[in-house]
N, C-alpha and C. Protein backbone atom coordinates (compact mmCIF):
# COMPACT_ATOMS: atom_id res chain seq x y z
N MET A 1 14.71 -27.99 20.53
CA MET A 1 14.70 -27.12 19.37
C MET A 1 14.56 -25.67 19.83
N LYS A 2 15.34 -24.80 19.25
CA LYS A 2 15.32 -23.39 19.61
C LYS A 2 14.04 -22.74 19.06
N GLN A 3 13.46 -21.86 19.85
CA GLN A 3 12.27 -21.13 19.46
C GLN A 3 12.61 -19.67 19.23
N TYR A 4 11.90 -19.06 18.30
CA TYR A 4 12.04 -17.64 17.99
C TYR A 4 10.65 -17.03 18.07
N TYR A 5 10.60 -15.79 18.48
CA TYR A 5 9.32 -15.13 18.72
C TYR A 5 9.28 -13.79 18.00
N VAL A 6 8.15 -13.51 17.38
CA VAL A 6 7.85 -12.18 16.88
C VAL A 6 6.77 -11.65 17.80
N TYR A 7 6.97 -10.43 18.28
CA TYR A 7 6.06 -9.89 19.29
C TYR A 7 5.69 -8.45 18.95
N ILE A 8 4.56 -8.03 19.50
CA ILE A 8 4.11 -6.64 19.36
C ILE A 8 3.86 -6.10 20.76
N LEU A 9 4.44 -4.94 21.02
CA LEU A 9 4.20 -4.23 22.28
C LEU A 9 3.33 -3.01 22.00
N LYS A 10 2.38 -2.76 22.88
CA LYS A 10 1.62 -1.52 22.82
C LYS A 10 2.29 -0.54 23.76
N CYS A 11 2.63 0.62 23.23
CA CYS A 11 3.36 1.63 24.00
C CYS A 11 2.39 2.60 24.66
N SER A 12 2.90 3.37 25.61
CA SER A 12 2.07 4.30 26.37
C SER A 12 1.45 5.39 25.48
N ASP A 13 2.06 5.66 24.32
CA ASP A 13 1.50 6.64 23.39
C ASP A 13 0.56 5.99 22.38
N ASN A 14 0.20 4.73 22.62
CA ASN A 14 -0.70 3.93 21.77
C ASN A 14 -0.08 3.50 20.45
N SER A 15 1.21 3.69 20.27
CA SER A 15 1.88 3.16 19.09
C SER A 15 2.22 1.70 19.35
N TYR A 16 2.61 1.00 18.29
CA TYR A 16 3.01 -0.40 18.40
C TYR A 16 4.47 -0.55 18.04
N TYR A 17 5.13 -1.44 18.74
CA TYR A 17 6.52 -1.80 18.44
C TYR A 17 6.54 -3.29 18.13
N THR A 18 7.14 -3.65 17.01
CA THR A 18 7.27 -5.05 16.61
C THR A 18 8.73 -5.46 16.70
N GLY A 19 8.99 -6.62 17.31
CA GLY A 19 10.35 -7.10 17.44
C GLY A 19 10.42 -8.61 17.32
N MET A 20 11.65 -9.12 17.35
CA MET A 20 11.90 -10.56 17.24
C MET A 20 12.98 -10.93 18.23
N THR A 21 12.85 -12.10 18.87
CA THR A 21 13.81 -12.53 19.87
C THR A 21 13.80 -14.05 19.98
N ASN A 22 14.83 -14.58 20.63
CA ASN A 22 14.83 -16.02 20.94
C ASN A 22 14.52 -16.27 22.41
N ASN A 23 14.28 -15.19 23.18
CA ASN A 23 13.92 -15.31 24.59
C ASN A 23 12.96 -14.17 24.93
N ILE A 24 11.68 -14.46 24.83
CA ILE A 24 10.68 -13.40 24.95
C ILE A 24 10.63 -12.79 26.35
N GLU A 25 10.81 -13.60 27.39
CA GLU A 25 10.78 -13.05 28.75
C GLU A 25 11.93 -12.07 28.98
N ARG A 26 13.14 -12.47 28.56
CA ARG A 26 14.30 -11.60 28.71
C ARG A 26 14.12 -10.30 27.93
N ARG A 27 13.66 -10.43 26.68
CA ARG A 27 13.54 -9.25 25.83
C ARG A 27 12.46 -8.31 26.34
N LEU A 28 11.35 -8.86 26.80
CA LEU A 28 10.28 -8.02 27.36
C LEU A 28 10.79 -7.26 28.58
N ASN A 29 11.54 -7.94 29.45
CA ASN A 29 12.11 -7.26 30.62
C ASN A 29 13.08 -6.16 30.22
N GLU A 30 13.86 -6.37 29.16
CA GLU A 30 14.77 -5.33 28.68
C GLU A 30 13.99 -4.09 28.25
N HIS A 31 12.87 -4.30 27.55
CA HIS A 31 12.03 -3.17 27.15
C HIS A 31 11.43 -2.48 28.37
N ILE A 32 10.86 -3.27 29.28
CA ILE A 32 10.17 -2.71 30.46
C ILE A 32 11.13 -1.92 31.34
N LEU A 33 12.34 -2.44 31.53
CA LEU A 33 13.33 -1.77 32.38
C LEU A 33 14.03 -0.61 31.66
N GLY A 34 13.87 -0.52 30.36
CA GLY A 34 14.51 0.55 29.60
C GLY A 34 16.03 0.43 29.57
N LEU A 35 16.52 -0.77 29.33
CA LEU A 35 17.97 -1.00 29.36
C LEU A 35 18.70 -0.36 28.19
N ASN A 36 18.00 -0.08 27.08
CA ASN A 36 18.63 0.53 25.92
C ASN A 36 17.97 1.87 25.64
N LYS A 37 18.68 2.96 25.96
CA LYS A 37 18.12 4.30 25.77
C LYS A 37 17.87 4.65 24.32
N GLU A 38 18.49 3.89 23.40
CA GLU A 38 18.32 4.14 21.97
C GLU A 38 17.10 3.41 21.40
N CYS A 39 16.51 2.53 22.17
CA CYS A 39 15.38 1.73 21.70
C CYS A 39 14.13 2.60 21.55
N TYR A 40 13.34 2.31 20.54
CA TYR A 40 12.09 3.03 20.28
C TYR A 40 11.20 3.08 21.52
N THR A 41 11.18 2.01 22.28
CA THR A 41 10.26 1.92 23.42
C THR A 41 10.74 2.64 24.68
N PHE A 42 11.98 3.10 24.70
CA PHE A 42 12.56 3.67 25.94
C PHE A 42 11.68 4.78 26.52
N ASP A 43 11.27 5.73 25.69
CA ASP A 43 10.47 6.87 26.16
C ASP A 43 8.97 6.61 26.07
N LYS A 44 8.60 5.38 25.77
CA LYS A 44 7.19 5.07 25.56
C LYS A 44 6.67 4.05 26.57
N ARG A 45 7.35 3.94 27.70
CA ARG A 45 6.92 3.04 28.76
C ARG A 45 5.85 3.70 29.61
N PRO A 46 4.91 2.97 30.21
CA PRO A 46 4.87 1.52 30.32
C PRO A 46 4.43 0.86 29.01
N LEU A 47 4.77 -0.40 28.89
CA LEU A 47 4.52 -1.20 27.69
C LEU A 47 3.64 -2.39 28.04
N GLU A 48 2.93 -2.87 27.02
CA GLU A 48 2.09 -4.05 27.21
C GLU A 48 2.34 -5.01 26.06
N LEU A 49 2.64 -6.25 26.37
CA LEU A 49 2.78 -7.28 25.35
C LEU A 49 1.37 -7.63 24.88
N VAL A 50 1.07 -7.36 23.60
CA VAL A 50 -0.28 -7.59 23.10
C VAL A 50 -0.36 -8.74 22.10
N PHE A 51 0.80 -9.21 21.62
CA PHE A 51 0.81 -10.31 20.65
C PHE A 51 2.19 -10.92 20.61
N TYR A 52 2.21 -12.24 20.44
CA TYR A 52 3.45 -12.92 20.08
C TYR A 52 3.10 -14.23 19.40
N THR A 53 4.01 -14.69 18.56
CA THR A 53 3.87 -15.97 17.89
C THR A 53 5.25 -16.62 17.81
N GLU A 54 5.27 -17.95 17.79
CA GLU A 54 6.52 -18.71 17.82
C GLU A 54 6.88 -19.26 16.45
N PHE A 55 8.19 -19.38 16.23
CA PHE A 55 8.73 -19.99 15.02
C PHE A 55 9.86 -20.94 15.41
N ASN A 56 10.02 -22.01 14.64
CA ASN A 56 11.13 -22.93 14.83
C ASN A 56 12.35 -22.52 14.02
N GLU A 57 12.14 -21.74 12.98
CA GLU A 57 13.22 -21.32 12.08
C GLU A 57 13.44 -19.82 12.20
N VAL A 58 14.68 -19.43 12.43
CA VAL A 58 15.00 -18.01 12.60
C VAL A 58 14.65 -17.20 11.36
N ASN A 59 14.87 -17.75 10.17
CA ASN A 59 14.58 -17.00 8.95
C ASN A 59 13.09 -16.73 8.78
N GLN A 60 12.26 -17.67 9.22
CA GLN A 60 10.81 -17.45 9.18
C GLN A 60 10.42 -16.32 10.13
N ALA A 61 11.02 -16.30 11.30
CA ALA A 61 10.72 -15.25 12.28
C ALA A 61 11.16 -13.88 11.75
N ILE A 62 12.35 -13.82 11.19
CA ILE A 62 12.85 -12.55 10.64
C ILE A 62 11.94 -12.07 9.52
N SER A 63 11.53 -12.97 8.65
CA SER A 63 10.66 -12.62 7.53
C SER A 63 9.31 -12.10 8.03
N PHE A 64 8.73 -12.78 9.02
CA PHE A 64 7.44 -12.35 9.55
C PHE A 64 7.56 -11.00 10.26
N GLU A 65 8.64 -10.81 11.00
CA GLU A 65 8.85 -9.52 11.68
C GLU A 65 8.88 -8.39 10.66
N LYS A 66 9.64 -8.57 9.59
CA LYS A 66 9.72 -7.53 8.54
C LYS A 66 8.35 -7.28 7.92
N GLN A 67 7.60 -8.36 7.70
CA GLN A 67 6.27 -8.23 7.11
C GLN A 67 5.37 -7.41 8.03
N VAL A 68 5.34 -7.75 9.31
CA VAL A 68 4.46 -7.06 10.26
C VAL A 68 4.88 -5.59 10.41
N LYS A 69 6.18 -5.33 10.42
CA LYS A 69 6.64 -3.94 10.55
C LYS A 69 6.13 -3.07 9.40
N GLY A 70 5.87 -3.67 8.25
CA GLY A 70 5.36 -2.92 7.11
C GLY A 70 3.84 -2.80 7.08
N TRP A 71 3.16 -3.45 8.00
CA TRP A 71 1.70 -3.44 8.02
C TRP A 71 1.14 -2.14 8.57
N SER A 72 -0.09 -1.87 8.19
CA SER A 72 -0.84 -0.74 8.75
C SER A 72 -1.23 -1.07 10.19
N ARG A 73 -1.62 -0.06 10.90
CA ARG A 73 -2.09 -0.23 12.27
C ARG A 73 -3.28 -1.20 12.31
N LYS A 74 -4.20 -1.07 11.35
CA LYS A 74 -5.39 -1.92 11.32
C LYS A 74 -5.02 -3.38 11.13
N LYS A 75 -4.02 -3.67 10.31
CA LYS A 75 -3.60 -5.05 10.11
C LYS A 75 -2.96 -5.60 11.38
N LYS A 76 -2.14 -4.78 12.04
CA LYS A 76 -1.54 -5.22 13.31
C LYS A 76 -2.63 -5.50 14.34
N GLU A 77 -3.63 -4.65 14.39
CA GLU A 77 -4.71 -4.85 15.35
C GLU A 77 -5.55 -6.09 15.00
N ALA A 78 -5.61 -6.45 13.74
CA ALA A 78 -6.34 -7.66 13.35
C ALA A 78 -5.67 -8.89 13.96
N ILE A 79 -4.32 -8.97 13.90
CA ILE A 79 -3.68 -10.15 14.49
C ILE A 79 -3.66 -10.07 16.01
N ILE A 80 -3.56 -8.86 16.55
CA ILE A 80 -3.60 -8.69 18.00
C ILE A 80 -4.95 -9.19 18.54
N ASN A 81 -6.02 -8.89 17.83
CA ASN A 81 -7.37 -9.25 18.26
C ASN A 81 -7.83 -10.60 17.70
N ASP A 82 -6.87 -11.38 17.19
CA ASP A 82 -7.16 -12.72 16.66
C ASP A 82 -8.22 -12.69 15.57
N LYS A 83 -8.09 -11.71 14.68
CA LYS A 83 -9.02 -11.55 13.55
C LYS A 83 -8.26 -11.74 12.24
N GLY A 84 -7.50 -12.82 12.17
CA GLY A 84 -6.69 -13.10 10.99
C GLY A 84 -7.48 -13.11 9.70
N GLU A 85 -8.76 -13.44 9.78
CA GLU A 85 -9.59 -13.45 8.57
C GLU A 85 -9.75 -12.06 7.97
N ASP A 86 -9.50 -11.01 8.74
CA ASP A 86 -9.61 -9.63 8.23
C ASP A 86 -8.38 -9.20 7.43
N LEU A 87 -7.29 -9.94 7.52
CA LEU A 87 -6.05 -9.52 6.86
C LEU A 87 -6.20 -9.39 5.35
N LYS A 88 -6.89 -10.33 4.71
CA LYS A 88 -7.06 -10.26 3.25
C LYS A 88 -7.82 -9.01 2.86
N ARG A 89 -8.91 -8.72 3.57
CA ARG A 89 -9.70 -7.52 3.27
C ARG A 89 -8.87 -6.25 3.50
N LEU A 90 -8.10 -6.23 4.58
CA LEU A 90 -7.29 -5.05 4.89
C LEU A 90 -6.11 -4.88 3.95
N SER A 91 -5.76 -5.95 3.23
CA SER A 91 -4.64 -5.90 2.28
C SER A 91 -5.07 -5.50 0.88
N ALA A 92 -6.36 -5.48 0.63
CA ALA A 92 -6.86 -5.19 -0.71
C ALA A 92 -6.53 -3.76 -1.11
N CYS A 93 -6.08 -3.61 -2.34
CA CYS A 93 -5.80 -2.29 -2.90
C CYS A 93 -7.12 -1.64 -3.28
N LEU A 94 -7.36 -0.45 -2.78
CA LEU A 94 -8.61 0.25 -3.05
C LEU A 94 -8.44 1.44 -3.98
N ASN A 95 -7.23 1.60 -4.55
CA ASN A 95 -6.99 2.70 -5.46
C ASN A 95 -7.87 2.58 -6.70
N GLU A 96 -8.32 3.71 -7.23
CA GLU A 96 -9.16 3.69 -8.42
C GLU A 96 -8.45 3.06 -9.61
N THR A 97 -7.13 3.14 -9.65
CA THR A 97 -6.38 2.61 -10.79
C THR A 97 -6.09 1.12 -10.67
N ALA A 98 -6.42 0.52 -9.55
CA ALA A 98 -6.21 -0.93 -9.40
C ALA A 98 -7.07 -1.65 -10.43
N HIS A 99 -6.56 -2.75 -10.97
CA HIS A 99 -7.25 -3.45 -12.06
C HIS A 99 -8.70 -3.80 -11.73
N LYS A 100 -8.98 -4.16 -10.51
CA LYS A 100 -10.37 -4.55 -10.19
C LYS A 100 -11.27 -3.34 -9.99
N ASN A 101 -10.70 -2.16 -9.79
CA ASN A 101 -11.49 -0.95 -9.58
C ASN A 101 -11.47 -0.02 -10.79
N TYR A 102 -10.72 -0.37 -11.80
CA TYR A 102 -10.55 0.51 -12.95
C TYR A 102 -11.81 0.53 -13.80
N SER A 103 -12.34 1.71 -14.04
CA SER A 103 -13.58 1.82 -14.81
C SER A 103 -13.30 2.16 -16.27
N GLY A 104 -12.06 2.53 -16.60
CA GLY A 104 -11.71 2.82 -18.00
C GLY A 104 -12.18 4.18 -18.48
N LYS A 105 -12.53 5.07 -17.59
CA LYS A 105 -13.02 6.40 -17.98
C LYS A 105 -11.90 7.27 -18.49
């Protein structure tokens, strides 16, 4: 069965890059060697693989990659540090106008 991977790289400028591949070793080497000058990571080497997870279905991997790309830095760091239980708290809307925070003033 083919495997798909969603991964996060920590860049030299401390930013994170999220990607998806069906061959994590090959793709990581492409980033490290800077084979694509147009890639976000090209000018941000050296790079460190800080997270990856496997999927059996390509559509699940694509969906998760898109989800992670939209996350805040804190949410990305929660999964990097294996603190998945923090995701719900970090996802909570804290705006005053949110229904649970609305005081009706």
